[in-house]
Every structure is written in structure tokens, then in C-alpha cells.
Amino acid sequence: MLSKISVKELAGFISVLNGARERGPVIYGIGNGGSAATASHFANNIAIGTRSWDKPFRVISLCDNQAVITVIGNDSGYENKFL
């Protein structure tokens, strides 16, 4: 599996993340099902893991509040949950 990962694409992704960290915007993650758990895990690791840095990453997983996601979906429709 690791041999199938493009080092060039991975380096590009890391560059985008580091650029965001330097500029200061929030990085948002999102997923569905198991990918939602992965997005939350990634957001926690990168945000908490860098909180002692001079410029920590600012990361939020849009999947982290299931109560809000489900009430919006139930009351207004799931197509409206991230508006």
C-alpha cells in the first residue's frame, strides 16, 4: 500500500497544510461514516499536537458535533447541514 502513495502528491499536501499554518486560516476536515472518524482524528492530532508551537495549526472537523448535524438534517434536511 505504501508503495502506491505518490511522494510528490504527499509533499504537495504537506506544503498546503504548512502554508495554511503560516497564514493562519482554519483548516476544515469532513467525512462520511468511517471517513468522518478519520477527519475528527486527524483534526485532533494536528491541532493538539501543535498547540505548543509558535504557530499551531487551526483545524476543525465539521463532523464533530453529531447532535447538531442530525438535528439540522432532521429539521431542515441533510442537504442543509453544512450551509
C-alpha atoms as a PDB file:
ATOM      1  CA  MET A   1       0.000   0.000   0.000  1.00  0.00           C
ATOM      2  CA  LEU A   2       2.745   2.438   0.886  1.00  0.00           C
ATOM      3  CA  SER A   3       4.419   1.938  -2.493  1.00  0.00           C
ATOM      4  CA  LYS A   4       1.238   3.259  -4.141  1.00  0.00           C
ATOM      5  CA  ILE A   5       1.419   6.605  -2.328  1.00  0.00           C
ATOM      6  CA  SER A   6       2.778   9.390  -4.502  1.00  0.00           C
ATOM      7  CA  VAL A   7       5.570  11.122  -2.618  1.00  0.00           C
ATOM      8  CA  LYS A   8       5.072  14.178  -4.843  1.00  0.00           C
ATOM      9  CA  GLU A   9       1.345  14.409  -4.003  1.00  0.00           C
ATOM     10  CA  LEU A  10       2.006  13.839  -0.303  1.00  0.00           C
ATOM     11  CA  ALA A  11       4.658  16.580  -0.317  1.00  0.00           C
ATOM     12  CA  GLY A  12       2.152  18.885  -2.032  1.00  0.00           C
ATOM     13  CA  PHE A  13      -0.462  18.166   0.644  1.00  0.00           C
ATOM     14  CA  ILE A  14       2.063  18.866   3.395  1.00  0.00           C
ATOM     15  CA  SER A  15       3.019  22.112   1.668  1.00  0.00           C
ATOM     16  CA  VAL A  16      -0.631  23.214   1.530  1.00  0.00           C
ATOM     17  CA  LEU A  17      -1.091  22.437   5.237  1.00  0.00           C
ATOM     18  CA  ASN A  18       2.097  24.257   6.241  1.00  0.00           C
ATOM     19  CA  GLY A  19       1.119  27.241   4.100  1.00  0.00           C
ATOM     20  CA  ALA A  20      -2.223  27.417   5.883  1.00  0.00           C
ATOM     21  CA  ARG A  21      -0.485  27.200   9.247  1.00  0.00           C
ATOM     22  CA  GLU A  22       1.768  30.112   8.313  1.00  0.00           C
ATOM     23  CA  ARG A  23      -1.117  32.278   7.035  1.00  0.00           C
ATOM     24  CA  GLY A  24      -3.419  31.414   9.948  1.00  0.00           C
ATOM     25  CA  PRO A  25      -6.718  30.292   8.398  1.00  0.00           C
ATOM     26  CA  VAL A  26      -8.707  27.380   9.784  1.00  0.00           C
ATOM     27  CA  ILE A  27      -8.310  24.024   8.035  1.00  0.00           C
ATOM     28  CA  TYR A  28     -11.641  22.198   7.817  1.00  0.00           C
ATOM     29  CA  GLY A  29     -11.989  18.441   7.563  1.00  0.00           C
ATOM     30  CA  ILE A  30     -15.069  16.485   6.626  1.00  0.00           C
ATOM     31  CA  GLY A  31     -16.013  12.872   6.024  1.00  0.00           C
ATOM     32  CA  ASN A  32     -18.904  10.444   5.970  1.00  0.00           C
ATOM     33  CA  GLY A  33     -19.090   7.269   8.029  1.00  0.00           C
ATOM     34  CA  GLY A  34     -15.610   5.964   8.818  1.00  0.00           C
ATOM     35  CA  SER A  35     -14.108   8.931   6.994  1.00  0.00           C
ATOM     36  CA  ALA A  36     -15.851  11.230   9.496  1.00  0.00           C
ATOM     37  CA  ALA A  37     -13.974   9.464  12.279  1.00  0.00           C
ATOM     38  CA  THR A  38     -10.746   9.843  10.295  1.00  0.00           C
ATOM     39  CA  ALA A  39     -11.413  13.580   9.806  1.00  0.00           C
ATOM     40  CA  SER A  40     -12.007  14.028  13.544  1.00  0.00           C
ATOM     41  CA  HIS A  41      -8.929  12.017  14.437  1.00  0.00           C
ATOM     42  CA  PHE A  42      -6.754  13.998  12.013  1.00  0.00           C
ATOM     43  CA  ALA A  43      -8.106  17.333  13.275  1.00  0.00           C
ATOM     44  CA  ASN A  44      -7.449  16.376  16.894  1.00  0.00           C
ATOM     45  CA  ASN A  45      -3.957  15.095  16.222  1.00  0.00           C
ATOM     46  CA  ILE A  46      -2.793  18.059  14.181  1.00  0.00           C
ATOM     47  CA  ALA A  47      -4.411  20.725  16.394  1.00  0.00           C
ATOM     48  CA  ILE A  48      -3.474  19.276  19.780  1.00  0.00           C
ATOM     49  CA  GLY A  49      -0.098  18.019  18.573  1.00  0.00           C
ATOM     50  CA  THR A  50       0.992  21.510  17.552  1.00  0.00           C
ATOM     51  CA  ARG A  51      -0.582  23.648  20.277  1.00  0.00           C
ATOM     52  CA  SER A  52       2.813  24.342  21.863  1.00  0.00           C
ATOM     53  CA  TRP A  53       4.272  25.643  18.577  1.00  0.00           C
ATOM     54  CA  ASP A  54       4.600  29.374  17.902  1.00  0.00           C
ATOM     55  CA  LYS A  55       2.061  28.952  15.096  1.00  0.00           C
ATOM     56  CA  PRO A  56      -0.118  25.916  15.807  1.00  0.00           C
ATOM     57  CA  PHE A  57      -2.453  24.510  13.185  1.00  0.00           C
ATOM     58  CA  ARG A  58      -6.040  25.729  13.423  1.00  0.00           C
ATOM     59  CA  VAL A  59      -8.116  22.681  12.470  1.00  0.00           C
ATOM     60  CA  ILE A  60     -11.789  21.798  12.857  1.00  0.00           C
ATOM     61  CA  SER A  61     -13.599  18.654  11.783  1.00  0.00           C
ATOM     62  CA  LEU A  62     -17.079  19.513  10.538  1.00  0.00           C
ATOM     63  CA  CYS A  63     -18.164  16.029  11.658  1.00  0.00           C
ATOM     64  CA  ASP A  64     -17.572  16.554  15.373  1.00  0.00           C
ATOM     65  CA  ASN A  65     -20.994  17.616  16.603  1.00  0.00           C
ATOM     66  CA  GLN A  66     -23.323  14.776  15.700  1.00  0.00           C
ATOM     67  CA  ALA A  67     -26.201  16.263  17.696  1.00  0.00           C
ATOM     68  CA  VAL A  68     -26.180  19.439  15.605  1.00  0.00           C
ATOM     69  CA  ILE A  69     -25.642  17.548  12.341  1.00  0.00           C
ATOM     70  CA  THR A  70     -28.580  15.229  12.999  1.00  0.00           C
ATOM     71  CA  VAL A  71     -30.987  17.913  14.249  1.00  0.00           C
ATOM     72  CA  ILE A  72     -30.317  20.087  11.186  1.00  0.00           C
ATOM     73  CA  GLY A  73     -30.754  17.051   8.964  1.00  0.00           C
ATOM     74  CA  ASN A  74     -33.937  16.054  10.750  1.00  0.00           C
ATOM     75  CA  ASP A  75     -35.493  19.527  10.901  1.00  0.00           C
ATOM     76  CA  SER A  76     -34.238  21.140   7.697  1.00  0.00           C
ATOM     77  CA  GLY A  77     -32.920  18.314   5.508  1.00  0.00           C
ATOM     78  CA  TYR A  78     -29.498  16.728   5.353  1.00  0.00           C
ATOM     79  CA  GLU A  79     -28.651  18.730   2.248  1.00  0.00           C
ATOM     80  CA  ASN A  80     -28.623  21.827   4.501  1.00  0.00           C
ATOM     81  CA  LYS A  81     -26.349  20.611   7.296  1.00  0.00           C
ATOM     82  CA  PHE A  82     -23.201  22.455   6.198  1.00  0.00           C
ATOM     83  CA  LEU A  83     -24.736  25.711   4.936  1.00  0.00           C
END
